[in-house]
N, C-alpha and C. Protein backbone atom coordinates (compact mmCIF):
# COMPACT_ATOMS: atom_id res chain seq x y z
N MET A 1 0.85 -1.19 0.00
CA MET A 1 0.00 0.00 0.00
C MET A 1 0.89 1.24 0.00
N ALA A 2 0.67 2.12 -0.95
CA ALA A 2 1.46 3.36 -1.05
C ALA A 2 0.99 4.36 0.01
N THR A 3 1.93 5.08 0.58
CA THR A 3 1.61 6.08 1.61
C THR A 3 1.91 7.47 1.09
N ILE A 4 0.89 8.34 1.18
CA ILE A 4 1.01 9.73 0.73
C ILE A 4 0.68 10.62 1.92
N VAL A 5 1.59 11.51 2.25
CA VAL A 5 1.37 12.41 3.38
C VAL A 5 1.15 13.84 2.85
N PHE A 6 0.14 14.50 3.39
CA PHE A 6 -0.17 15.89 3.03
C PHE A 6 0.19 16.78 4.21
N VAL A 7 1.08 17.74 3.95
CA VAL A 7 1.55 18.64 5.00
C VAL A 7 1.44 20.08 4.52
N GLY A 8 1.46 21.00 5.45
CA GLY A 8 1.44 22.41 5.10
C GLY A 8 0.97 23.24 6.27
N ARG A 9 1.07 24.54 6.10
CA ARG A 9 0.60 25.47 7.13
C ARG A 9 -0.89 25.25 7.38
N SER A 10 -1.37 25.85 8.43
CA SER A 10 -2.81 25.82 8.72
C SER A 10 -3.57 26.58 7.63
N ASN A 11 -4.71 26.06 7.28
CA ASN A 11 -5.66 26.75 6.39
C ASN A 11 -5.15 26.97 4.97
N VAL A 12 -4.34 26.03 4.46
CA VAL A 12 -3.88 26.13 3.07
C VAL A 12 -4.70 25.26 2.12
N GLY A 13 -5.59 24.43 2.68
CA GLY A 13 -6.48 23.62 1.84
C GLY A 13 -6.10 22.16 1.73
N LYS A 14 -5.37 21.61 2.70
CA LYS A 14 -4.96 20.21 2.64
C LYS A 14 -6.17 19.27 2.60
N SER A 15 -7.10 19.45 3.51
CA SER A 15 -8.27 18.57 3.59
C SER A 15 -9.15 18.70 2.35
N THR A 16 -9.30 19.91 1.85
CA THR A 16 -10.08 20.14 0.62
C THR A 16 -9.40 19.45 -0.55
N LEU A 17 -8.09 19.52 -0.62
CA LEU A 17 -7.34 18.88 -1.69
C LEU A 17 -7.51 17.36 -1.62
N ILE A 18 -7.42 16.80 -0.43
CA ILE A 18 -7.61 15.35 -0.29
C ILE A 18 -9.00 14.96 -0.78
N TYR A 19 -10.01 15.75 -0.46
CA TYR A 19 -11.36 15.48 -0.94
C TYR A 19 -11.40 15.50 -2.48
N GLN A 20 -10.76 16.50 -3.08
CA GLN A 20 -10.75 16.59 -4.55
C GLN A 20 -10.04 15.39 -5.18
N LEU A 21 -8.99 14.93 -4.55
CA LEU A 21 -8.23 13.80 -5.09
C LEU A 21 -8.94 12.46 -4.92
N THR A 22 -9.61 12.29 -3.78
CA THR A 22 -10.15 10.97 -3.42
C THR A 22 -11.66 10.89 -3.41
N GLY A 23 -12.33 12.03 -3.29
CA GLY A 23 -13.78 12.01 -3.12
C GLY A 23 -14.19 11.70 -1.69
N LYS A 24 -13.21 11.53 -0.80
CA LYS A 24 -13.51 11.22 0.61
C LYS A 24 -13.38 12.49 1.44
N LYS A 25 -14.39 12.75 2.23
CA LYS A 25 -14.32 13.89 3.15
C LYS A 25 -13.43 13.52 4.32
N VAL A 26 -12.59 14.44 4.71
CA VAL A 26 -11.68 14.23 5.82
C VAL A 26 -12.21 15.02 7.00
N ARG A 27 -12.27 14.36 8.16
CA ARG A 27 -12.70 15.07 9.37
C ARG A 27 -11.72 16.19 9.67
N ARG A 28 -12.27 17.34 10.00
CA ARG A 28 -11.42 18.50 10.31
C ARG A 28 -11.79 19.03 11.68
N GLY A 29 -11.06 20.04 12.10
CA GLY A 29 -11.39 20.71 13.35
C GLY A 29 -12.69 21.48 13.19
N LYS A 30 -13.15 22.08 14.27
CA LYS A 30 -14.43 22.79 14.25
C LYS A 30 -14.39 24.06 13.42
N ARG A 31 -13.20 24.64 13.30
CA ARG A 31 -13.04 25.85 12.47
C ARG A 31 -12.09 25.53 11.34
N PRO A 32 -12.16 26.30 10.23
CA PRO A 32 -11.21 26.07 9.14
C PRO A 32 -9.78 26.21 9.64
N GLY A 33 -8.92 25.35 9.15
CA GLY A 33 -7.50 25.46 9.52
C GLY A 33 -7.16 24.86 10.86
N VAL A 34 -8.04 24.03 11.41
CA VAL A 34 -7.76 23.51 12.74
C VAL A 34 -7.88 21.99 12.79
N THR A 35 -7.35 21.28 11.79
CA THR A 35 -7.20 19.83 11.91
C THR A 35 -6.10 19.65 12.94
N ARG A 36 -6.42 19.03 14.07
CA ARG A 36 -5.45 18.95 15.16
C ARG A 36 -4.81 17.59 15.33
N LYS A 37 -5.38 16.57 14.70
CA LYS A 37 -4.85 15.23 14.84
C LYS A 37 -4.43 14.70 13.48
N ILE A 38 -3.50 13.76 13.47
CA ILE A 38 -3.10 13.09 12.25
C ILE A 38 -4.25 12.18 11.84
N ILE A 39 -4.71 12.34 10.60
CA ILE A 39 -5.85 11.58 10.11
C ILE A 39 -5.39 10.68 8.97
N GLU A 40 -5.70 9.40 9.06
CA GLU A 40 -5.34 8.44 8.01
C GLU A 40 -6.61 7.90 7.37
N ILE A 41 -6.63 7.86 6.04
CA ILE A 41 -7.74 7.22 5.33
C ILE A 41 -7.16 6.29 4.27
N GLU A 42 -7.90 5.25 3.96
CA GLU A 42 -7.48 4.36 2.88
C GLU A 42 -8.30 4.68 1.65
N TRP A 43 -7.61 4.69 0.50
CA TRP A 43 -8.26 4.99 -0.77
C TRP A 43 -7.50 4.30 -1.88
N ARG A 44 -8.19 3.40 -2.59
CA ARG A 44 -7.61 2.71 -3.75
C ARG A 44 -6.19 2.19 -3.51
N ASN A 45 -6.04 1.41 -2.48
CA ASN A 45 -4.75 0.82 -2.13
C ASN A 45 -3.68 1.87 -1.80
N HIS A 46 -4.13 3.02 -1.34
CA HIS A 46 -3.23 4.08 -0.87
C HIS A 46 -3.61 4.41 0.57
N LYS A 47 -2.61 4.75 1.36
CA LYS A 47 -2.86 5.30 2.69
C LYS A 47 -2.61 6.80 2.56
N ILE A 48 -3.66 7.58 2.79
CA ILE A 48 -3.58 9.04 2.71
C ILE A 48 -3.49 9.56 4.15
N ILE A 49 -2.49 10.38 4.42
CA ILE A 49 -2.31 10.93 5.76
C ILE A 49 -2.44 12.44 5.69
N ASP A 50 -3.44 12.96 6.38
CA ASP A 50 -3.68 14.40 6.47
C ASP A 50 -3.10 14.88 7.79
N MET A 51 -2.02 15.63 7.69
CA MET A 51 -1.35 16.13 8.89
C MET A 51 -1.99 17.44 9.35
N PRO A 52 -1.97 17.69 10.65
CA PRO A 52 -2.44 19.00 11.11
C PRO A 52 -1.59 20.10 10.49
N GLY A 53 -2.14 21.28 10.36
CA GLY A 53 -1.38 22.40 9.85
C GLY A 53 -0.33 22.83 10.85
N PHE A 54 0.79 23.34 10.35
CA PHE A 54 1.81 23.87 11.24
C PHE A 54 1.85 25.38 11.09
N GLY A 55 2.51 26.04 12.01
CA GLY A 55 2.54 27.50 11.99
C GLY A 55 1.41 28.05 12.83
N PHE A 56 1.04 29.28 12.56
CA PHE A 56 0.01 29.96 13.35
C PHE A 56 -1.34 29.26 13.24
N MET A 57 -1.98 29.04 14.38
CA MET A 57 -3.32 28.46 14.41
C MET A 57 -4.17 29.33 15.31
N ALA A 58 -5.16 29.97 14.72
CA ALA A 58 -6.01 30.90 15.45
C ALA A 58 -6.62 30.23 16.67
N GLY A 59 -6.53 30.92 17.80
CA GLY A 59 -7.19 30.47 19.01
C GLY A 59 -6.44 29.40 19.80
N LEU A 60 -5.26 29.01 19.35
CA LEU A 60 -4.50 28.00 20.09
C LEU A 60 -3.28 28.65 20.73
N PRO A 61 -3.02 28.31 22.00
CA PRO A 61 -1.82 28.85 22.65
C PRO A 61 -0.55 28.40 21.93
N LYS A 62 0.49 29.21 22.02
CA LYS A 62 1.75 28.93 21.32
C LYS A 62 2.30 27.55 21.68
N GLU A 63 2.19 27.16 22.96
CA GLU A 63 2.74 25.85 23.36
C GLU A 63 1.98 24.69 22.70
N VAL A 64 0.69 24.85 22.46
CA VAL A 64 -0.09 23.82 21.77
C VAL A 64 0.34 23.77 20.30
N GLN A 65 0.54 24.95 19.70
CA GLN A 65 1.01 25.01 18.31
C GLN A 65 2.36 24.32 18.18
N GLU A 66 3.26 24.56 19.12
CA GLU A 66 4.59 23.94 19.09
C GLU A 66 4.49 22.42 19.28
N ARG A 67 3.59 21.98 20.18
CA ARG A 67 3.42 20.54 20.40
C ARG A 67 2.93 19.85 19.12
N ILE A 68 1.98 20.49 18.42
CA ILE A 68 1.46 19.92 17.17
C ILE A 68 2.58 19.84 16.14
N LYS A 69 3.38 20.91 16.02
CA LYS A 69 4.51 20.90 15.07
C LYS A 69 5.49 19.78 15.41
N ASP A 70 5.79 19.60 16.70
CA ASP A 70 6.70 18.53 17.12
C ASP A 70 6.12 17.16 16.77
N GLU A 71 4.81 16.97 16.97
CA GLU A 71 4.16 15.70 16.62
C GLU A 71 4.28 15.42 15.13
N ILE A 72 4.10 16.44 14.30
CA ILE A 72 4.22 16.29 12.85
C ILE A 72 5.64 15.86 12.49
N VAL A 73 6.63 16.57 13.03
CA VAL A 73 8.03 16.28 12.74
C VAL A 73 8.39 14.86 13.18
N HIS A 74 8.01 14.47 14.40
CA HIS A 74 8.32 13.13 14.90
C HIS A 74 7.64 12.05 14.06
N PHE A 75 6.38 12.27 13.71
CA PHE A 75 5.66 11.29 12.89
C PHE A 75 6.38 11.08 11.56
N ILE A 76 6.75 12.18 10.91
CA ILE A 76 7.41 12.06 9.60
C ILE A 76 8.79 11.42 9.74
N GLU A 77 9.56 11.82 10.75
CA GLU A 77 10.88 11.21 10.97
C GLU A 77 10.75 9.70 11.22
N ASN A 78 9.80 9.31 12.05
CA ASN A 78 9.63 7.90 12.41
C ASN A 78 9.08 7.05 11.27
N ASN A 79 8.41 7.68 10.29
CA ASN A 79 7.77 6.94 9.20
C ASN A 79 8.37 7.25 7.83
N ALA A 80 9.47 7.98 7.79
CA ALA A 80 10.03 8.45 6.51
C ALA A 80 10.25 7.33 5.50
N LYS A 81 10.74 6.18 5.97
CA LYS A 81 11.03 5.08 5.05
C LYS A 81 9.76 4.50 4.42
N ASN A 82 8.61 4.70 5.06
CA ASN A 82 7.34 4.15 4.56
C ASN A 82 6.53 5.17 3.77
N ILE A 83 6.98 6.43 3.74
CA ILE A 83 6.25 7.46 3.01
C ILE A 83 6.74 7.48 1.57
N ASP A 84 5.83 7.22 0.64
CA ASP A 84 6.21 7.18 -0.78
C ASP A 84 6.32 8.56 -1.38
N VAL A 85 5.44 9.46 -0.95
CA VAL A 85 5.46 10.82 -1.48
C VAL A 85 4.83 11.77 -0.46
N ALA A 86 5.41 12.96 -0.36
CA ALA A 86 4.83 14.02 0.47
C ALA A 86 4.29 15.10 -0.46
N VAL A 87 3.12 15.62 -0.12
CA VAL A 87 2.56 16.75 -0.84
C VAL A 87 2.55 17.92 0.14
N LEU A 88 3.45 18.87 -0.11
CA LEU A 88 3.51 20.09 0.71
C LEU A 88 2.57 21.09 0.05
N VAL A 89 1.49 21.41 0.74
CA VAL A 89 0.50 22.34 0.20
C VAL A 89 0.83 23.74 0.71
N VAL A 90 0.97 24.68 -0.23
CA VAL A 90 1.21 26.07 0.14
C VAL A 90 0.11 26.95 -0.44
N ASP A 91 -0.19 28.01 0.25
CA ASP A 91 -1.16 29.00 -0.23
C ASP A 91 -0.39 29.92 -1.17
N GLY A 92 -0.59 29.72 -2.47
CA GLY A 92 0.16 30.48 -3.47
C GLY A 92 -0.02 31.98 -3.38
N LYS A 93 -1.16 32.41 -2.88
CA LYS A 93 -1.40 33.85 -2.76
C LYS A 93 -0.65 34.43 -1.56
N ALA A 94 -0.65 33.73 -0.43
CA ALA A 94 -0.06 34.26 0.81
C ALA A 94 1.42 33.91 0.98
N ALA A 95 1.87 32.79 0.42
CA ALA A 95 3.23 32.30 0.70
C ALA A 95 4.35 33.31 0.38
N PRO A 96 4.34 33.98 -0.79
CA PRO A 96 5.44 34.92 -1.04
C PRO A 96 5.57 36.01 0.02
N GLU A 97 4.45 36.57 0.43
CA GLU A 97 4.48 37.64 1.44
C GLU A 97 4.94 37.09 2.80
N ILE A 98 4.46 35.90 3.17
CA ILE A 98 4.85 35.29 4.44
C ILE A 98 6.35 34.98 4.43
N ILE A 99 6.85 34.43 3.33
CA ILE A 99 8.27 34.10 3.22
C ILE A 99 9.13 35.35 3.35
N GLU A 100 8.74 36.42 2.65
CA GLU A 100 9.51 37.67 2.73
C GLU A 100 9.48 38.25 4.15
N ARG A 101 8.33 38.16 4.82
CA ARG A 101 8.21 38.68 6.19
C ARG A 101 9.16 37.92 7.12
N TRP A 102 9.21 36.59 7.00
CA TRP A 102 10.10 35.79 7.85
C TRP A 102 11.56 36.13 7.55
N GLU A 103 11.89 36.26 6.27
CA GLU A 103 13.28 36.56 5.90
C GLU A 103 13.71 37.92 6.43
N LYS A 104 12.82 38.90 6.42
CA LYS A 104 13.15 40.23 6.95
C LYS A 104 13.48 40.16 8.44
N ARG A 105 12.88 39.19 9.15
CA ARG A 105 13.17 39.00 10.58
C ARG A 105 14.42 38.16 10.79
N GLY A 106 15.04 37.74 9.67
CA GLY A 106 16.25 36.91 9.77
C GLY A 106 15.95 35.46 10.08
N GLU A 107 14.73 35.01 9.82
CA GLU A 107 14.33 33.63 10.12
C GLU A 107 14.12 32.84 8.83
N ILE A 108 14.30 31.53 8.93
CA ILE A 108 14.01 30.66 7.79
C ILE A 108 12.49 30.45 7.76
N PRO A 109 11.86 30.79 6.64
CA PRO A 109 10.41 30.62 6.56
C PRO A 109 10.02 29.15 6.76
N ILE A 110 8.95 28.91 7.49
CA ILE A 110 8.56 27.55 7.87
C ILE A 110 8.26 26.67 6.66
N ASP A 111 7.69 27.23 5.59
CA ASP A 111 7.43 26.42 4.39
C ASP A 111 8.75 25.95 3.76
N VAL A 112 9.72 26.85 3.71
CA VAL A 112 11.04 26.54 3.16
C VAL A 112 11.72 25.48 4.02
N GLU A 113 11.67 25.69 5.33
CA GLU A 113 12.27 24.75 6.28
C GLU A 113 11.63 23.36 6.15
N PHE A 114 10.33 23.32 5.99
CA PHE A 114 9.63 22.04 5.90
C PHE A 114 9.96 21.31 4.61
N TYR A 115 10.08 22.05 3.51
CA TYR A 115 10.48 21.43 2.24
C TYR A 115 11.87 20.81 2.39
N GLN A 116 12.80 21.55 2.99
CA GLN A 116 14.15 21.05 3.19
C GLN A 116 14.17 19.83 4.12
N PHE A 117 13.33 19.86 5.15
CA PHE A 117 13.20 18.74 6.08
C PHE A 117 12.78 17.47 5.34
N LEU A 118 11.76 17.59 4.49
CA LEU A 118 11.26 16.43 3.74
C LEU A 118 12.31 15.89 2.77
N THR A 119 12.98 16.80 2.06
CA THR A 119 13.98 16.34 1.09
C THR A 119 15.23 15.80 1.79
N ASP A 120 15.58 16.35 2.97
CA ASP A 120 16.70 15.79 3.74
C ASP A 120 16.41 14.35 4.16
N LEU A 121 15.14 14.04 4.40
CA LEU A 121 14.73 12.68 4.76
C LEU A 121 14.57 11.79 3.51
N GLU A 122 14.87 12.38 2.35
CA GLU A 122 14.79 11.68 1.07
C GLU A 122 13.36 11.22 0.74
N ILE A 123 12.39 12.02 1.15
CA ILE A 123 10.99 11.76 0.80
C ILE A 123 10.70 12.58 -0.46
N PRO A 124 10.35 11.92 -1.57
CA PRO A 124 10.00 12.69 -2.77
C PRO A 124 8.85 13.65 -2.42
N THR A 125 9.04 14.91 -2.77
CA THR A 125 8.08 15.94 -2.35
C THR A 125 7.57 16.74 -3.54
N ILE A 126 6.25 16.86 -3.58
CA ILE A 126 5.58 17.71 -4.56
C ILE A 126 5.07 18.93 -3.79
N VAL A 127 5.25 20.11 -4.35
CA VAL A 127 4.70 21.32 -3.74
C VAL A 127 3.44 21.67 -4.54
N ALA A 128 2.29 21.51 -3.88
CA ALA A 128 1.01 21.87 -4.49
C ALA A 128 0.76 23.34 -4.17
N VAL A 129 0.89 24.19 -5.18
CA VAL A 129 0.70 25.64 -5.00
C VAL A 129 -0.79 25.90 -5.16
N ASN A 130 -1.48 26.00 -4.02
CA ASN A 130 -2.94 26.09 -3.99
C ASN A 130 -3.41 27.54 -4.11
N LYS A 131 -4.68 27.67 -4.41
CA LYS A 131 -5.39 28.95 -4.50
C LYS A 131 -4.94 29.77 -5.71
N ILE A 132 -4.60 29.07 -6.81
CA ILE A 132 -4.15 29.78 -8.01
C ILE A 132 -5.26 30.64 -8.61
N ASP A 133 -6.52 30.35 -8.23
CA ASP A 133 -7.64 31.16 -8.70
C ASP A 133 -7.56 32.59 -8.14
N LYS A 134 -6.72 32.81 -7.14
CA LYS A 134 -6.57 34.13 -6.51
C LYS A 134 -5.26 34.83 -6.89
N ILE A 135 -4.49 34.22 -7.82
CA ILE A 135 -3.17 34.75 -8.16
C ILE A 135 -3.18 35.28 -9.59
N LYS A 136 -2.61 36.47 -9.78
CA LYS A 136 -2.51 37.05 -11.14
C LYS A 136 -1.39 36.41 -11.95
N ASN A 137 -0.21 36.25 -11.35
CA ASN A 137 0.96 35.73 -12.07
C ASN A 137 1.41 34.41 -11.43
N VAL A 138 0.73 33.33 -11.79
CA VAL A 138 1.01 32.01 -11.20
C VAL A 138 2.46 31.59 -11.46
N GLN A 139 2.93 31.74 -12.70
CA GLN A 139 4.30 31.32 -13.02
C GLN A 139 5.31 32.12 -12.21
N GLY A 140 5.06 33.41 -12.02
CA GLY A 140 5.95 34.24 -11.21
C GLY A 140 6.04 33.74 -9.77
N VAL A 141 4.90 33.35 -9.21
CA VAL A 141 4.86 32.82 -7.85
C VAL A 141 5.65 31.51 -7.77
N ILE A 142 5.46 30.65 -8.76
CA ILE A 142 6.17 29.36 -8.77
C ILE A 142 7.68 29.58 -8.88
N TYR A 143 8.12 30.50 -9.73
CA TYR A 143 9.55 30.79 -9.83
C TYR A 143 10.09 31.36 -8.52
N PHE A 144 9.32 32.22 -7.88
CA PHE A 144 9.71 32.79 -6.59
C PHE A 144 9.90 31.66 -5.56
N LEU A 145 8.89 30.77 -5.47
CA LEU A 145 8.96 29.66 -4.51
C LEU A 145 10.13 28.73 -4.83
N ALA A 146 10.35 28.44 -6.11
CA ALA A 146 11.45 27.56 -6.51
C ALA A 146 12.79 28.13 -6.04
N GLU A 147 12.96 29.43 -6.23
CA GLU A 147 14.20 30.07 -5.79
C GLU A 147 14.35 29.95 -4.28
N LYS A 148 13.29 30.24 -3.53
CA LYS A 148 13.36 30.20 -2.06
C LYS A 148 13.55 28.78 -1.54
N PHE A 149 12.96 27.78 -2.22
CA PHE A 149 13.06 26.39 -1.79
C PHE A 149 14.35 25.74 -2.28
N GLY A 150 15.10 26.44 -3.15
CA GLY A 150 16.34 25.89 -3.66
C GLY A 150 16.14 24.81 -4.73
N VAL A 151 15.04 24.92 -5.48
CA VAL A 151 14.75 23.94 -6.53
C VAL A 151 15.33 24.46 -7.84
N PRO A 152 16.21 23.67 -8.48
CA PRO A 152 16.80 24.12 -9.76
C PRO A 152 15.73 24.32 -10.83
N PHE A 153 15.99 25.23 -11.74
CA PHE A 153 15.04 25.57 -12.80
C PHE A 153 14.58 24.31 -13.55
N SER A 154 15.50 23.39 -13.81
CA SER A 154 15.18 22.18 -14.58
C SER A 154 14.22 21.24 -13.83
N GLU A 155 14.07 21.42 -12.52
CA GLU A 155 13.22 20.54 -11.71
C GLU A 155 11.86 21.16 -11.37
N ILE A 156 11.64 22.42 -11.73
CA ILE A 156 10.44 23.14 -11.31
C ILE A 156 9.16 22.39 -11.68
N GLU A 157 9.06 21.94 -12.92
CA GLU A 157 7.82 21.27 -13.35
C GLU A 157 7.58 19.95 -12.64
N LYS A 158 8.64 19.29 -12.20
CA LYS A 158 8.49 18.03 -11.46
C LYS A 158 8.05 18.28 -10.03
N VAL A 159 8.49 19.39 -9.44
CA VAL A 159 8.25 19.65 -8.02
C VAL A 159 6.97 20.45 -7.78
N PHE A 160 6.73 21.48 -8.58
CA PHE A 160 5.61 22.40 -8.32
C PHE A 160 4.42 22.10 -9.22
N VAL A 161 3.23 21.98 -8.61
CA VAL A 161 1.99 21.79 -9.36
C VAL A 161 1.01 22.88 -8.91
N PRO A 162 0.68 23.83 -9.80
CA PRO A 162 -0.29 24.86 -9.44
C PRO A 162 -1.70 24.26 -9.45
N ILE A 163 -2.45 24.49 -8.36
CA ILE A 163 -3.79 23.90 -8.24
C ILE A 163 -4.77 24.88 -7.61
N SER A 164 -6.04 24.55 -7.73
CA SER A 164 -7.07 25.17 -6.91
C SER A 164 -7.88 24.02 -6.33
N ALA A 165 -7.66 23.72 -5.06
CA ALA A 165 -8.39 22.63 -4.41
C ALA A 165 -9.89 22.96 -4.38
N LYS A 166 -10.21 24.21 -4.18
CA LYS A 166 -11.61 24.63 -4.10
C LYS A 166 -12.36 24.34 -5.40
N PHE A 167 -11.73 24.60 -6.54
CA PHE A 167 -12.40 24.45 -7.83
C PHE A 167 -11.95 23.20 -8.60
N GLY A 168 -11.02 22.43 -8.06
CA GLY A 168 -10.57 21.21 -8.72
C GLY A 168 -9.60 21.42 -9.87
N THR A 169 -9.04 22.61 -9.98
CA THR A 169 -8.12 22.94 -11.08
C THR A 169 -6.81 22.17 -10.95
N ASN A 170 -6.42 21.49 -12.03
CA ASN A 170 -5.16 20.76 -12.13
C ASN A 170 -5.04 19.58 -11.16
N ILE A 171 -6.16 19.11 -10.64
CA ILE A 171 -6.13 17.97 -9.71
C ILE A 171 -5.62 16.72 -10.43
N GLU A 172 -6.03 16.55 -11.69
CA GLU A 172 -5.57 15.38 -12.46
C GLU A 172 -4.06 15.44 -12.70
N VAL A 173 -3.53 16.64 -12.90
CA VAL A 173 -2.08 16.80 -13.08
C VAL A 173 -1.37 16.37 -11.80
N LEU A 174 -1.87 16.82 -10.66
CA LEU A 174 -1.28 16.45 -9.37
C LEU A 174 -1.39 14.94 -9.15
N LYS A 175 -2.55 14.39 -9.44
CA LYS A 175 -2.77 12.95 -9.27
C LYS A 175 -1.77 12.16 -10.14
N GLY A 176 -1.56 12.61 -11.37
CA GLY A 176 -0.60 11.96 -12.26
C GLY A 176 0.81 12.02 -11.72
N ARG A 177 1.18 13.16 -11.19
CA ARG A 177 2.54 13.33 -10.62
C ARG A 177 2.72 12.43 -9.40
N ILE A 178 1.71 12.35 -8.53
CA ILE A 178 1.77 11.47 -7.35
C ILE A 178 1.95 10.02 -7.80
N ASN A 179 1.14 9.59 -8.76
CA ASN A 179 1.22 8.20 -9.24
C ASN A 179 2.55 7.89 -9.89
N GLU A 180 3.11 8.87 -10.60
CA GLU A 180 4.42 8.71 -11.23
C GLU A 180 5.50 8.44 -10.17
N ILE A 181 5.47 9.22 -9.10
CA ILE A 181 6.45 9.04 -8.02
C ILE A 181 6.26 7.69 -7.33
N ILE A 182 5.01 7.31 -7.09
CA ILE A 182 4.74 6.02 -6.45
C ILE A 182 5.28 4.88 -7.32
N ARG A 183 5.07 4.95 -8.62
CA ARG A 183 5.59 3.91 -9.53
C ARG A 183 7.12 3.86 -9.46
N GLU A 184 7.76 5.03 -9.46
CA GLU A 184 9.23 5.08 -9.36
C GLU A 184 9.71 4.46 -8.07
N ARG A 185 9.04 4.76 -6.97
CA ARG A 185 9.42 4.23 -5.66
C ARG A 185 9.26 2.71 -5.62
N GLN A 186 8.16 2.20 -6.21
CA GLN A 186 7.93 0.75 -6.22
C GLN A 186 8.98 0.05 -7.06
N GLU A 187 9.37 0.66 -8.19
CA GLU A 187 10.42 0.07 -9.04
C GLU A 187 11.75 0.03 -8.31
N GLN A 188 12.04 1.07 -7.53
CA GLN A 188 13.30 1.11 -6.76
C GLN A 188 13.35 0.00 -5.73
N ARG A 189 12.18 -0.34 -5.16
CA ARG A 189 12.14 -1.36 -4.10
C ARG A 189 12.25 -2.78 -4.65
N GLU A 190 11.94 -2.94 -5.92
CA GLU A 190 11.95 -4.30 -6.50
C GLU A 190 13.34 -4.76 -6.88
């Protein structure tokens, strides 16, 4: 059974994306952006894992936010060898501004740090750039993210998939990319 993990900041559309990909509704927190527990569902011989959002979570104390982030990190570290592909979902409209704000404070932006964390663990990672329906220059945003994430120009199309989880835009492209990576991983294991 192939394992696909969905990670990203709070309220970027992970659960909505999983619904678009699988047709299965994922239990969420009471408010948008507040999935607090790791949720696993089975779909077509795949194990789909919806991770809680990391970063700022409205209404939660900082120590609870940090505990959730630690749980996500430990889960991924402990299961890295069994994860076939990670889908890092970013809010394409908000991510550039958030990344620049973090860099101005001299900090590594959490989305950038998480991408590096996944690739350091050798987990093939796709960045689903969500909310493209709200972006004027989608390609510009993808190039910006590629530069910040350290993805070479030649790899951009393999790593970044612009989507709209809300409207189902490019979901088949993302599904194809996920399946391609799973096939590659299975061939490597044989």
